[in-house]
C-alpha atoms as a PDB file:
ATOM      1  CA  MET A   1      62.470   5.583 -11.840  1.00  0.00           C
ATOM      2  CA  ASN A   2      63.140   8.252 -14.452  1.00  0.00           C
ATOM      3  CA  SER A   3      60.043  10.310 -14.728  1.00  0.00           C
ATOM      4  CA  LEU A   4      60.725  11.440 -18.317  1.00  0.00           C
ATOM      5  CA  TYR A   5      60.211   9.668 -21.558  1.00  0.00           C
ATOM      6  CA  THR A   6      63.106   8.840 -23.974  1.00  0.00           C
ATOM      7  CA  TYR A   7      62.194   7.967 -27.499  1.00  0.00           C
ATOM      8  CA  PRO A   8      64.174   5.707 -29.812  1.00  0.00           C
ATOM      9  CA  LEU A   9      64.702   8.554 -32.284  1.00  0.00           C
ATOM     10  CA  ASN A  10      67.841   9.875 -33.815  1.00  0.00           C
ATOM     11  CA  ASN A  11      68.470  12.040 -30.754  1.00  0.00           C
ATOM     12  CA  ASN A  12      68.280  11.191 -27.087  1.00  0.00           C
ATOM     13  CA  LYS A  13      66.100  14.130 -26.098  1.00  0.00           C
ATOM     14  CA  LYS A  14      63.898  13.433 -23.035  1.00  0.00           C
ATOM     15  CA  GLU A  15      60.308  14.495 -23.090  1.00  0.00           C
ATOM     16  CA  ARG A  16      57.937  15.242 -20.333  1.00  0.00           C
ATOM     17  CA  TYR A  17      54.895  13.677 -21.948  1.00  0.00           C
ATOM     18  CA  LEU A  18      54.294  10.923 -24.274  1.00  0.00           C
ATOM     19  CA  ASN A  19      53.960  12.605 -27.649  1.00  0.00           C
ATOM     20  CA  TYR A  20      51.849  10.495 -30.079  1.00  0.00           C
ATOM     21  CA  ASN A  21      53.307  12.195 -33.147  1.00  0.00           C
ATOM     22  CA  LYS A  22      56.762  10.995 -32.067  1.00  0.00           C
ATOM     23  CA  VAL A  23      55.424   7.555 -31.288  1.00  0.00           C
ATOM     24  CA  LEU A  24      53.916   7.472 -34.743  1.00  0.00           C
ATOM     25  CA  LYS A  25      57.333   8.116 -36.260  1.00  0.00           C
ATOM     26  CA  THR A  26      58.597   4.910 -34.731  1.00  0.00           C
ATOM     27  CA  GLU A  27      56.020   2.874 -36.638  1.00  0.00           C
ATOM     28  CA  PHE A  28      56.989   4.089 -40.187  1.00  0.00           C
ATOM     29  CA  THR A  29      60.169   4.422 -42.162  1.00  0.00           C
ATOM     30  CA  GLU A  30      58.914   7.460 -44.013  1.00  0.00           C
ATOM     31  CA  ARG A  31      57.156  10.645 -42.820  1.00  0.00           C
ATOM     32  CA  VAL A  32      53.363  10.265 -42.439  1.00  0.00           C
ATOM     33  CA  GLN A  33      50.778  12.924 -43.146  1.00  0.00           C
ATOM     34  CA  LYS A  34      47.065  12.731 -42.470  1.00  0.00           C
ATOM     35  CA  ILE A  35      44.724  13.657 -45.335  1.00  0.00           C
ATOM     36  CA  SER A  36      41.304  14.765 -44.163  1.00  0.00           C
ATOM     37  CA  ILE A  37      38.303  13.167 -45.951  1.00  0.00           C
ATOM     38  CA  ASN A  38      34.750  14.321 -45.824  1.00  0.00           C
ATOM     39  CA  ALA A  39      32.691  11.313 -47.025  1.00  0.00           C
ATOM     40  CA  GLY A  40      29.347  13.027 -46.492  1.00  0.00           C
ATOM     41  CA  PHE A  41      28.171  11.302 -43.294  1.00  0.00           C
ATOM     42  CA  THR A  42      25.782  12.773 -40.736  1.00  0.00           C
ATOM     43  CA  CYS A  43      25.258  11.914 -37.009  1.00  0.00           C
ATOM     44  CA  PRO A  44      22.458  10.194 -35.110  1.00  0.00           C
ATOM     45  CA  ASN A  45      21.941  13.371 -33.043  1.00  0.00           C
ATOM     46  CA  ARG A  46      21.395  15.344 -36.278  1.00  0.00           C
ATOM     47  CA  ASP A  47      19.194  13.138 -38.423  1.00  0.00           C
ATOM     48  CA  GLY A  48      16.605  12.445 -35.695  1.00  0.00           C
ATOM     49  CA  SER A  49      17.686   8.970 -34.822  1.00  0.00           C
ATOM     50  CA  LYS A  50      18.733  10.155 -31.365  1.00  0.00           C
ATOM     51  CA  GLY A  51      18.130  13.897 -31.747  1.00  0.00           C
ATOM     52  CA  VAL A  52      18.406  16.929 -33.965  1.00  0.00           C
ATOM     53  CA  GLY A  53      20.753  19.857 -34.059  1.00  0.00           C
ATOM     54  CA  GLY A  54      23.964  17.903 -33.272  1.00  0.00           C
ATOM     55  CA  CYS A  55      26.284  18.644 -30.400  1.00  0.00           C
ATOM     56  CA  THR A  56      25.711  22.198 -29.120  1.00  0.00           C
ATOM     57  CA  TYR A  57      29.410  23.146 -29.749  1.00  0.00           C
ATOM     58  CA  CYS A  58      29.746  21.683 -33.250  1.00  0.00           C
ATOM     59  CA  ASN A  59      30.309  23.474 -36.581  1.00  0.00           C
ATOM     60  CA  ASN A  60      32.160  21.084 -38.832  1.00  0.00           C
ATOM     61  CA  GLN A  61      33.498  24.001 -40.968  1.00  0.00           C
ATOM     62  CA  THR A  62      36.024  24.584 -38.217  1.00  0.00           C
ATOM     63  CA  PHE A  63      38.134  21.553 -39.153  1.00  0.00           C
ATOM     64  CA  SER A  64      37.514  20.876 -42.841  1.00  0.00           C
ATOM     65  CA  PRO A  65      40.265  21.966 -45.225  1.00  0.00           C
ATOM     66  CA  GLY A  66      39.333  23.579 -48.533  1.00  0.00           C
ATOM     67  CA  TYR A  67      39.867  20.374 -50.611  1.00  0.00           C
ATOM     68  CA  CYS A  68      37.792  18.354 -48.177  1.00  0.00           C
ATOM     69  CA  LYS A  69      34.185  18.496 -49.586  1.00  0.00           C
ATOM     70  CA  PRO A  70      31.576  15.678 -49.641  1.00  0.00           C
ATOM     71  CA  SER A  71      30.671  16.620 -53.277  1.00  0.00           C
ATOM     72  CA  LYS A  72      34.031  15.173 -54.272  1.00  0.00           C
ATOM     73  CA  SER A  73      34.816  11.478 -54.385  1.00  0.00           C
ATOM     74  CA  VAL A  74      37.068   9.961 -51.722  1.00  0.00           C
ATOM     75  CA  THR A  75      39.655   9.415 -54.421  1.00  0.00           C
ATOM     76  CA  GLN A  76      39.575  13.044 -55.572  1.00  0.00           C
ATOM     77  CA  GLN A  77      39.853  14.310 -52.011  1.00  0.00           C
ATOM     78  CA  VAL A  78      42.893  12.034 -51.381  1.00  0.00           C
ATOM     79  CA  GLU A  79      44.485  13.080 -54.616  1.00  0.00           C
ATOM     80  CA  GLU A  80      44.039  16.832 -53.847  1.00  0.00           C
ATOM     81  CA  GLY A  81      45.134  16.344 -50.196  1.00  0.00           C
ATOM     82  CA  ILE A  82      48.366  14.720 -51.328  1.00  0.00           C
ATOM     83  CA  ALA A  83      48.937  17.389 -53.935  1.00  0.00           C
ATOM     84  CA  PHE A  84      48.511  19.938 -51.157  1.00  0.00           C
ATOM     85  CA  PHE A  85      51.206  18.335 -48.912  1.00  0.00           C
ATOM     86  CA  HIS A  86      53.456  16.751 -51.495  1.00  0.00           C
ATOM     87  CA  HIS A  87      55.495  19.867 -52.320  1.00  0.00           C
ATOM     88  CA  LYS A  88      56.663  20.028 -48.669  1.00  0.00           C
ATOM     89  CA  TYR A  89      57.992  16.500 -48.538  1.00  0.00           C
ATOM     90  CA  ALA A  90      58.748  14.615 -51.652  1.00  0.00           C
ATOM     91  CA  THR A  91      58.798  11.266 -50.035  1.00  0.00           C
ATOM     92  CA  GLN A  92      56.121  10.517 -47.461  1.00  0.00           C
ATOM     93  CA  GLN A  93      53.253   8.269 -46.799  1.00  0.00           C
ATOM     94  CA  TYR A  94      49.669   9.101 -45.978  1.00  0.00           C
ATOM     95  CA  LEU A  95      46.796   8.224 -43.615  1.00  0.00           C
ATOM     96  CA  ALA A  96      43.225   8.927 -44.891  1.00  0.00           C
ATOM     97  CA  TYR A  97      41.557  10.719 -42.020  1.00  0.00           C
ATOM     98  CA  PHE A  98      37.769  10.350 -42.034  1.00  0.00           C
ATOM     99  CA  GLN A  99      37.136  13.376 -39.786  1.00  0.00           C
ATOM    100  CA  SER A 100      33.774  15.197 -40.378  1.00  0.00           C
ATOM    101  CA  TYR A 101      30.714  13.967 -38.522  1.00  0.00           C
ATOM    102  CA  THR A 102      30.290  10.278 -37.692  1.00  0.00           C
ATOM    103  CA  ASN A 103      32.409   8.150 -40.099  1.00  0.00           C
ATOM    104  CA  THR A 104      30.906   4.739 -39.205  1.00  0.00           C
ATOM    105  CA  TYR A 105      27.232   5.832 -39.423  1.00  0.00           C
ATOM    106  CA  ASP A 106      26.103   3.792 -42.544  1.00  0.00           C
ATOM    107  CA  ALA A 107      25.605   0.280 -43.766  1.00  0.00           C
ATOM    108  CA  ILE A 108      28.712  -1.800 -43.416  1.00  0.00           C
ATOM    109  CA  ASP A 109      29.085  -2.531 -47.181  1.00  0.00           C
ATOM    110  CA  LYS A 110      29.068   1.214 -47.988  1.00  0.00           C
ATOM    111  CA  LEU A 111      31.562   1.771 -45.192  1.00  0.00           C
ATOM    112  CA  LYS A 112      33.903  -0.782 -46.492  1.00  0.00           C
ATOM    113  CA  ALA A 113      33.740   0.578 -49.990  1.00  0.00           C
ATOM    114  CA  ILE A 114      34.598   4.040 -48.765  1.00  0.00           C
ATOM    115  CA  TYR A 115      37.557   3.005 -46.576  1.00  0.00           C
ATOM    116  CA  GLU A 116      38.951   0.632 -49.217  1.00  0.00           C
ATOM    117  CA  GLU A 117      38.655   3.281 -51.926  1.00  0.00           C
ATOM    118  CA  ALA A 118      41.010   5.470 -49.819  1.00  0.00           C
ATOM    119  CA  LEU A 119      43.371   2.615 -49.099  1.00  0.00           C
ATOM    120  CA  SER A 120      43.637   1.762 -52.713  1.00  0.00           C
ATOM    121  CA  TYR A 121      45.359   5.013 -53.465  1.00  0.00           C
ATOM    122  CA  PRO A 122      49.197   4.895 -53.872  1.00  0.00           C
ATOM    123  CA  ASN A 123      51.158   5.690 -50.699  1.00  0.00           C
ATOM    124  CA  VAL A 124      48.012   5.588 -48.468  1.00  0.00           C
ATOM    125  CA  VAL A 125      49.101   3.276 -45.739  1.00  0.00           C
ATOM    126  CA  GLY A 126      46.175   3.451 -43.302  1.00  0.00           C
ATOM    127  CA  ILE A 127      43.065   5.056 -42.126  1.00  0.00           C
ATOM    128  CA  VAL A 128      42.016   7.118 -39.069  1.00  0.00           C
ATOM    129  CA  VAL A 129      38.300   7.002 -38.497  1.00  0.00           C
ATOM    130  CA  GLY A 130      36.561   9.593 -36.325  1.00  0.00           C
ATOM    131  CA  THR A 131      33.214   8.415 -34.872  1.00  0.00           C
ATOM    132  CA  ARG A 132      30.957   8.196 -31.855  1.00  0.00           C
ATOM    133  CA  PRO A 133      30.976   5.311 -29.371  1.00  0.00           C
ATOM    134  CA  ASP A 134      27.339   4.526 -30.059  1.00  0.00           C
ATOM    135  CA  CYS A 135      28.041   4.090 -33.814  1.00  0.00           C
ATOM    136  CA  VAL A 136      30.195   0.940 -33.862  1.00  0.00           C
ATOM    137  CA  ASN A 137      29.150  -2.791 -33.587  1.00  0.00           C
ATOM    138  CA  ASP A 138      30.912  -6.153 -33.416  1.00  0.00           C
ATOM    139  CA  GLU A 139      30.712  -6.690 -37.212  1.00  0.00           C
ATOM    140  CA  LEU A 140      32.377  -3.425 -37.972  1.00  0.00           C
ATOM    141  CA  LEU A 141      35.017  -3.723 -35.259  1.00  0.00           C
ATOM    142  CA  ASP A 142      35.850  -7.233 -36.460  1.00  0.00           C
ATOM    143  CA  TYR A 143      36.334  -5.732 -39.978  1.00  0.00           C
ATOM    144  CA  PHE A 144      38.702  -3.076 -38.611  1.00  0.00           C
ATOM    145  CA  ALA A 145      40.691  -5.761 -36.794  1.00  0.00           C
ATOM    146  CA  GLN A 146      41.197  -7.660 -40.035  1.00  0.00           C
ATOM    147  CA  LEU A 147      42.077  -4.401 -41.857  1.00  0.00           C
ATOM    148  CA  SER A 148      44.574  -3.612 -39.146  1.00  0.00           C
ATOM    149  CA  LYS A 149      46.657  -6.654 -40.011  1.00  0.00           C
ATOM    150  CA  LYS A 150      47.583  -5.057 -43.385  1.00  0.00           C
ATOM    151  CA  TYR A 151      47.253  -1.345 -42.698  1.00  0.00           C
ATOM    152  CA  TYR A 152      47.465   1.296 -40.001  1.00  0.00           C
ATOM    153  CA  VAL A 153      44.045   1.648 -38.384  1.00  0.00           C
ATOM    154  CA  MET A 154      43.024   4.100 -35.683  1.00  0.00           C
ATOM    155  CA  ILE A 155      39.424   4.539 -34.483  1.00  0.00           C
ATOM    156  CA  GLU A 156      39.087   7.933 -32.801  1.00  0.00           C
ATOM    157  CA  TYR A 157      36.045   8.298 -30.432  1.00  0.00           C
ATOM    158  CA  GLY A 158      34.440  11.614 -29.536  1.00  0.00           C
ATOM    159  CA  ILE A 159      34.070  11.373 -25.731  1.00  0.00           C
ATOM    160  CA  GLU A 160      34.238  15.072 -24.929  1.00  0.00           C
ATOM    161  CA  SER A 161      33.299  14.608 -21.336  1.00  0.00           C
ATOM    162  CA  THR A 162      33.068  11.743 -18.840  1.00  0.00           C
ATOM    163  CA  ASN A 163      30.314  13.474 -16.911  1.00  0.00           C
ATOM    164  CA  ASP A 164      26.811  12.211 -17.982  1.00  0.00           C
ATOM    165  CA  GLU A 165      25.092  15.502 -16.973  1.00  0.00           C
ATOM    166  CA  THR A 166      27.408  17.393 -19.331  1.00  0.00           C
ATOM    167  CA  LEU A 167      26.890  14.958 -22.154  1.00  0.00           C
ATOM    168  CA  ALA A 168      23.172  15.330 -21.883  1.00  0.00           C
ATOM    169  CA  PHE A 169      23.523  19.158 -21.746  1.00  0.00           C
ATOM    170  CA  ILE A 170      25.656  19.301 -24.903  1.00  0.00           C
ATOM    171  CA  ASN A 171      23.246  16.903 -26.721  1.00  0.00           C
ATOM    172  CA  ARG A 172      25.713  14.085 -27.320  1.00  0.00           C
ATOM    173  CA  GLY A 173      23.006  11.480 -27.253  1.00  0.00           C
ATOM    174  CA  HIS A 174      25.036   8.836 -25.371  1.00  0.00           C
ATOM    175  CA  ASP A 175      26.482   8.387 -21.848  1.00  0.00           C
ATOM    176  CA  PHE A 176      30.033   7.780 -20.710  1.00  0.00           C
ATOM    177  CA  ALA A 177      29.347   4.081 -20.185  1.00  0.00           C
ATOM    178  CA  CYS A 178      28.695   3.792 -23.856  1.00  0.00           C
ATOM    179  CA  ALA A 179      32.243   5.136 -24.512  1.00  0.00           C
ATOM    180  CA  GLU A 180      33.828   2.856 -21.998  1.00  0.00           C
ATOM    181  CA  ILE A 181      32.239  -0.217 -23.750  1.00  0.00           C
ATOM    182  CA  ALA A 182      33.194   0.871 -27.269  1.00  0.00           C
ATOM    183  CA  ILE A 183      36.720   1.583 -26.339  1.00  0.00           C
ATOM    184  CA  ALA A 184      37.147  -1.736 -24.537  1.00  0.00           C
ATOM    185  CA  GLU A 185      35.654  -3.614 -27.561  1.00  0.00           C
ATOM    186  CA  THR A 186      37.953  -1.856 -29.893  1.00  0.00           C
ATOM    187  CA  ALA A 187      41.178  -2.206 -28.024  1.00  0.00           C
ATOM    188  CA  LYS A 188      40.605  -5.875 -27.215  1.00  0.00           C
ATOM    189  CA  ARG A 189      40.724  -6.565 -30.926  1.00  0.00           C
ATOM    190  CA  GLY A 190      44.167  -5.041 -31.162  1.00  0.00           C
ATOM    191  CA  ILE A 191      42.921  -1.813 -32.936  1.00  0.00           C
ATOM    192  CA  ARG A 192      44.612   1.483 -32.037  1.00  0.00           C
ATOM    193  CA  THR A 193      42.053   3.422 -30.065  1.00  0.00           C
ATOM    194  CA  GLY A 194      41.954   7.243 -29.793  1.00  0.00           C
ATOM    195  CA  ALA A 195      39.661   9.638 -27.961  1.00  0.00           C
ATOM    196  CA  HIS A 196      38.793  13.334 -27.854  1.00  0.00           C
ATOM    197  CA  ILE A 197      38.118  15.376 -24.717  1.00  0.00           C
ATOM    198  CA  ILE A 198      37.081  19.040 -24.383  1.00  0.00           C
ATOM    199  CA  LEU A 199      38.393  20.955 -21.328  1.00  0.00           C
ATOM    200  CA  GLY A 200      36.041  23.751 -20.227  1.00  0.00           C
ATOM    201  CA  LEU A 201      32.589  22.581 -21.230  1.00  0.00           C
ATOM    202  CA  PRO A 202      29.732  24.676 -19.724  1.00  0.00           C
ATOM    203  CA  LYS A 203      29.090  24.078 -16.033  1.00  0.00           C
ATOM    204  CA  GLU A 204      32.162  21.945 -15.595  1.00  0.00           C
ATOM    205  CA  ASP A 205      34.310  23.244 -12.783  1.00  0.00           C
ATOM    206  CA  ARG A 206      38.067  22.262 -12.191  1.00  0.00           C
ATOM    207  CA  GLU A 207      37.158  19.232 -10.125  1.00  0.00           C
ATOM    208  CA  ILE A 208      34.937  17.809 -12.845  1.00  0.00           C
ATOM    209  CA  ILE A 209      37.527  18.701 -15.641  1.00  0.00           C
ATOM    210  CA  LEU A 210      40.343  16.913 -13.732  1.00  0.00           C
ATOM    211  CA  SER A 211      38.022  13.900 -13.058  1.00  0.00           C
ATOM    212  CA  HIS A 212      38.033  13.320 -16.745  1.00  0.00           C
ATOM    213  CA  ALA A 213      41.754  12.405 -16.643  1.00  0.00           C
ATOM    214  CA  LYS A 214      41.108   9.870 -13.847  1.00  0.00           C
ATOM    215  CA  ASN A 215      38.250   8.269 -15.704  1.00  0.00           C
ATOM    216  CA  LEU A 216      40.138   8.178 -19.061  1.00  0.00           C
ATOM    217  CA  SER A 217      43.213   6.601 -17.360  1.00  0.00           C
ATOM    218  CA  LYS A 218      41.177   3.460 -16.726  1.00  0.00           C
ATOM    219  CA  LEU A 219      40.540   2.954 -20.442  1.00  0.00           C
ATOM    220  CA  PRO A 220      42.781   1.034 -22.855  1.00  0.00           C
ATOM    221  CA  LEU A 221      43.373   4.080 -25.056  1.00  0.00           C
ATOM    222  CA  THR A 222      46.316   4.454 -27.477  1.00  0.00           C
ATOM    223  CA  ALA A 223      46.058   8.268 -27.738  1.00  0.00           C
ATOM    224  CA  LEU A 224      44.134  11.248 -26.580  1.00  0.00           C
ATOM    225  CA  LYS A 225      43.300  14.567 -28.169  1.00  0.00           C
ATOM    226  CA  ILE A 226      42.825  17.306 -25.584  1.00  0.00           C
ATOM    227  CA  HIS A 227      40.983  20.451 -26.753  1.00  0.00           C
ATOM    228  CA  GLN A 228      40.192  23.696 -25.124  1.00  0.00           C
ATOM    229  CA  LEU A 229      36.488  24.715 -25.487  1.00  0.00           C
ATOM    230  CA  GLN A 230      36.072  27.110 -28.409  1.00  0.00           C
ATOM    231  CA  LEU A 231      32.866  29.099 -28.999  1.00  0.00           C
ATOM    232  CA  VAL A 232      32.129  29.058 -32.755  1.00  0.00           C
ATOM    233  CA  LYS A 233      29.679  31.128 -34.708  1.00  0.00           C
ATOM    234  CA  GLY A 234      26.517  29.369 -35.736  1.00  0.00           C
ATOM    235  CA  THR A 235      26.367  26.967 -32.821  1.00  0.00           C
ATOM    236  CA  LYS A 236      23.818  26.630 -30.078  1.00  0.00           C
ATOM    237  CA  MET A 237      26.574  26.957 -27.531  1.00  0.00           C
ATOM    238  CA  ALA A 238      27.530  30.409 -28.854  1.00  0.00           C
ATOM    239  CA  LYS A 239      23.915  31.514 -28.318  1.00  0.00           C
ATOM    240  CA  GLN A 240      24.045  29.993 -24.711  1.00  0.00           C
ATOM    241  CA  PHE A 241      27.151  31.973 -23.941  1.00  0.00           C
ATOM    242  CA  VAL A 242      25.440  35.253 -24.855  1.00  0.00           C
ATOM    243  CA  GLU A 243      22.391  34.383 -22.725  1.00  0.00           C
ATOM    244  CA  ASN A 244      24.119  32.573 -19.804  1.00  0.00           C
ATOM    245  CA  PRO A 245      27.811  33.603 -19.627  1.00  0.00           C
ATOM    246  CA  GLU A 246      28.002  32.396 -16.057  1.00  0.00           C
ATOM    247  CA  TRP A 247      27.917  28.798 -17.316  1.00  0.00           C
ATOM    248  CA  PHE A 248      31.261  29.231 -18.936  1.00  0.00           C
ATOM    249  CA  ASN A 249      34.927  29.655 -17.897  1.00  0.00           C
ATOM    250  CA  LEU A 250      36.934  30.644 -20.941  1.00  0.00           C
ATOM    251  CA  PHE A 251      40.517  30.287 -19.895  1.00  0.00           C
ATOM    252  CA  SER A 252      43.330  32.572 -20.823  1.00  0.00           C
ATOM    253  CA  ALA A 253      46.218  30.845 -22.617  1.00  0.00           C
ATOM    254  CA  ALA A 254      48.307  30.844 -19.368  1.00  0.00           C
ATOM    255  CA  GLU A 255      45.401  29.463 -17.410  1.00  0.00           C
ATOM    256  CA  TYR A 256      44.806  26.719 -19.884  1.00  0.00           C
ATOM    257  CA  VAL A 257      48.461  25.776 -20.015  1.00  0.00           C
ATOM    258  CA  ASP A 258      48.401  25.132 -16.218  1.00  0.00           C
ATOM    259  CA  LEU A 259      45.078  23.321 -16.480  1.00  0.00           C
ATOM    260  CA  ALA A 260      46.380  21.086 -19.255  1.00  0.00           C
ATOM    261  CA  ILE A 261      49.429  20.185 -17.226  1.00  0.00           C
ATOM    262  CA  ASP A 262      47.204  19.552 -14.124  1.00  0.00           C
ATOM    263  CA  PHE A 263      45.232  17.254 -16.329  1.00  0.00           C
ATOM    264  CA  ILE A 264      48.168  15.188 -17.812  1.00  0.00           C
ATOM    265  CA  GLU A 265      49.790  14.846 -14.344  1.00  0.00           C
ATOM    266  CA  LEU A 266      46.759  12.633 -13.517  1.00  0.00           C
ATOM    267  CA  LEU A 267      46.653  10.878 -16.824  1.00  0.00           C
ATOM    268  CA  ASN A 268      47.907   7.357 -17.367  1.00  0.00           C
ATOM    269  CA  PRO A 269      51.372   7.800 -18.865  1.00  0.00           C
ATOM    270  CA  LYS A 270      50.766   4.982 -21.310  1.00  0.00           C
ATOM    271  CA  ILE A 271      48.140   7.122 -23.128  1.00  0.00           C
ATOM    272  CA  ALA A 272      50.006   9.130 -25.812  1.00  0.00           C
ATOM    273  CA  ILE A 273      48.955  12.746 -26.134  1.00  0.00           C
ATOM    274  CA  GLU A 274      48.238  13.719 -29.784  1.00  0.00           C
ATOM    275  CA  ARG A 275      47.024  17.298 -29.240  1.00  0.00           C
ATOM    276  CA  PHE A 276      46.649  19.908 -26.474  1.00  0.00           C
ATOM    277  CA  VAL A 277      44.655  22.529 -28.363  1.00  0.00           C
ATOM    278  CA  SER A 278      42.410  22.956 -31.414  1.00  0.00           C
ATOM    279  CA  GLN A 279      42.501  25.973 -33.662  1.00  0.00           C
ATOM    280  CA  SER A 280      39.298  27.025 -35.377  1.00  0.00           C
ATOM    281  CA  PRO A 281      39.387  29.440 -38.303  1.00  0.00           C
ATOM    282  CA  LYS A 282      39.574  33.066 -37.231  1.00  0.00           C
ATOM    283  CA  SER A 283      36.452  33.880 -39.257  1.00  0.00           C
ATOM    284  CA  LEU A 284      34.361  31.456 -37.198  1.00  0.00           C
ATOM    285  CA  LEU A 285      35.893  31.745 -33.715  1.00  0.00           C
ATOM    286  CA  LEU A 286      34.163  33.910 -31.152  1.00  0.00           C
ATOM    287  CA  ALA A 287      36.312  33.060 -28.127  1.00  0.00           C
ATOM    288  CA  PRO A 288      38.886  32.494 -26.714  1.00  0.00           C
ATOM    289  CA  GLU A 289      41.213  34.239 -29.079  1.00  0.00           C
ATOM    290  CA  TRP A 290      44.743  33.555 -27.908  1.00  0.00           C
ATOM    291  CA  GLY A 291      46.581  34.600 -31.031  1.00  0.00           C
ATOM    292  CA  LEU A 292      48.881  31.479 -30.888  1.00  0.00           C
ATOM    293  CA  LYS A 293      49.722  28.963 -33.416  1.00  0.00           C
ATOM    294  CA  ASN A 294      49.904  25.324 -32.297  1.00  0.00           C
ATOM    295  CA  PHE A 295      53.645  25.154 -32.175  1.00  0.00           C
ATOM    296  CA  GLU A 296      53.750  28.310 -30.137  1.00  0.00           C
ATOM    297  CA  PHE A 297      51.304  26.841 -27.571  1.00  0.00           C
ATOM    298  CA  LEU A 298      53.329  23.598 -27.414  1.00  0.00           C
ATOM    299  CA  ALA A 299      56.384  25.692 -26.675  1.00  0.00           C
ATOM    300  CA  LYS A 300      54.514  27.236 -23.667  1.00  0.00           C
ATOM    301  CA  ILE A 301      53.512  23.724 -22.542  1.00  0.00           C
ATOM    302  CA  ASP A 302      57.127  22.523 -22.572  1.00  0.00           C
ATOM    303  CA  LYS A 303      58.385  25.629 -20.836  1.00  0.00           C
ATOM    304  CA  ARG A 304      55.801  25.409 -18.016  1.00  0.00           C
ATOM    305  CA  LEU A 305      56.376  21.697 -17.508  1.00  0.00           C
ATOM    306  CA  GLU A 306      60.083  22.513 -16.918  1.00  0.00           C
ATOM    307  CA  GLU A 307      59.207  25.439 -14.583  1.00  0.00           C
ATOM    308  CA  ARG A 308      56.853  23.167 -12.562  1.00  0.00           C
ATOM    309  CA  ASP A 309      59.182  20.213 -12.808  1.00  0.00           C
ATOM    310  CA  SER A 310      56.122  18.321 -13.967  1.00  0.00           C
ATOM    311  CA  TRP A 311      55.466  15.419 -16.301  1.00  0.00           C
ATOM    312  CA  HIS A 312      52.765  13.295 -17.778  1.00  0.00           C
ATOM    313  CA  GLY A 313      51.527  10.811 -15.098  1.00  0.00           C
ATOM    314  CA  LYS A 314      53.386  12.540 -12.182  1.00  0.00           C
ATOM    315  CA  LYS A 315      50.255  12.096  -9.966  1.00  0.00           C
ATOM    316  CA  TYR A 316      48.784   9.069 -11.730  1.00  0.00           C
ATOM    317  CA  LEU A 317      49.978   6.433  -9.217  1.00  0.00           C
ATOM    318  CA  LYS A 318      48.891   8.653  -6.322  1.00  0.00           C
ATOM    319  CA  GLN A 319      45.191   8.534  -7.237  1.00  0.00           C
END
């Protein structure tokens, strides 16, 4: 069996991991760009429903572009987002990405109005909805299933860790079983299902980190975003790092490259990888500071995969 992936693209280049961005290209005739939307949601571990303060690592300023402000309507944010990207590619389509906080945390009528406002804009061909596994229900998932018959729909769940002790420590407000149920219910309706995981959370050693790959491999996921832990100004975790640095292992870029490869060797090769790293604004990032752009980091991943003669799922069947 050939261990590498060949995509039905214009070239016959073989890849060592299933790249979701390239998979996405096979679903559309035009280039597709995500437009981030901040619809003004909160989270149940912020508003007192399950807790206060939010996740200990979270500062939403780290992934909100300048045009993406909840004081603006969804339509205005889509319009400004398209204007931001349009000059680069004259002909392309767009996905409205509801990214900040928990984007299913409201009454279903209000949620429908928000999603459908975005979808009504010209050249918006789908939505990507970031949420928590404890903030979906059958009625909402049935709605997404109907919507997915006409539009591209991806539901992205923040899992962050599959270890319940870690989830409690970072104030997630749910356990891993909750994520397993939500992902299974989403996928069984034929909805594309994504997840986020953070490598290097406090008190997690290498064995625990790699166990996440094994646990995630059992889930019917379409795609996975892998992020390194970043310590960001204004978060509880940044304060914890100052007071208890022994809880943390902030990897160098080279160490993280090898860890990420160890991780994907154990990962089900049917789960596409959407991202290996996250990049917080320099003004907010405390550590680690690698000084690498995303494409530079991916080049290091590709080079190291070749050096190790490794690939996505290499050890998956050996588990």
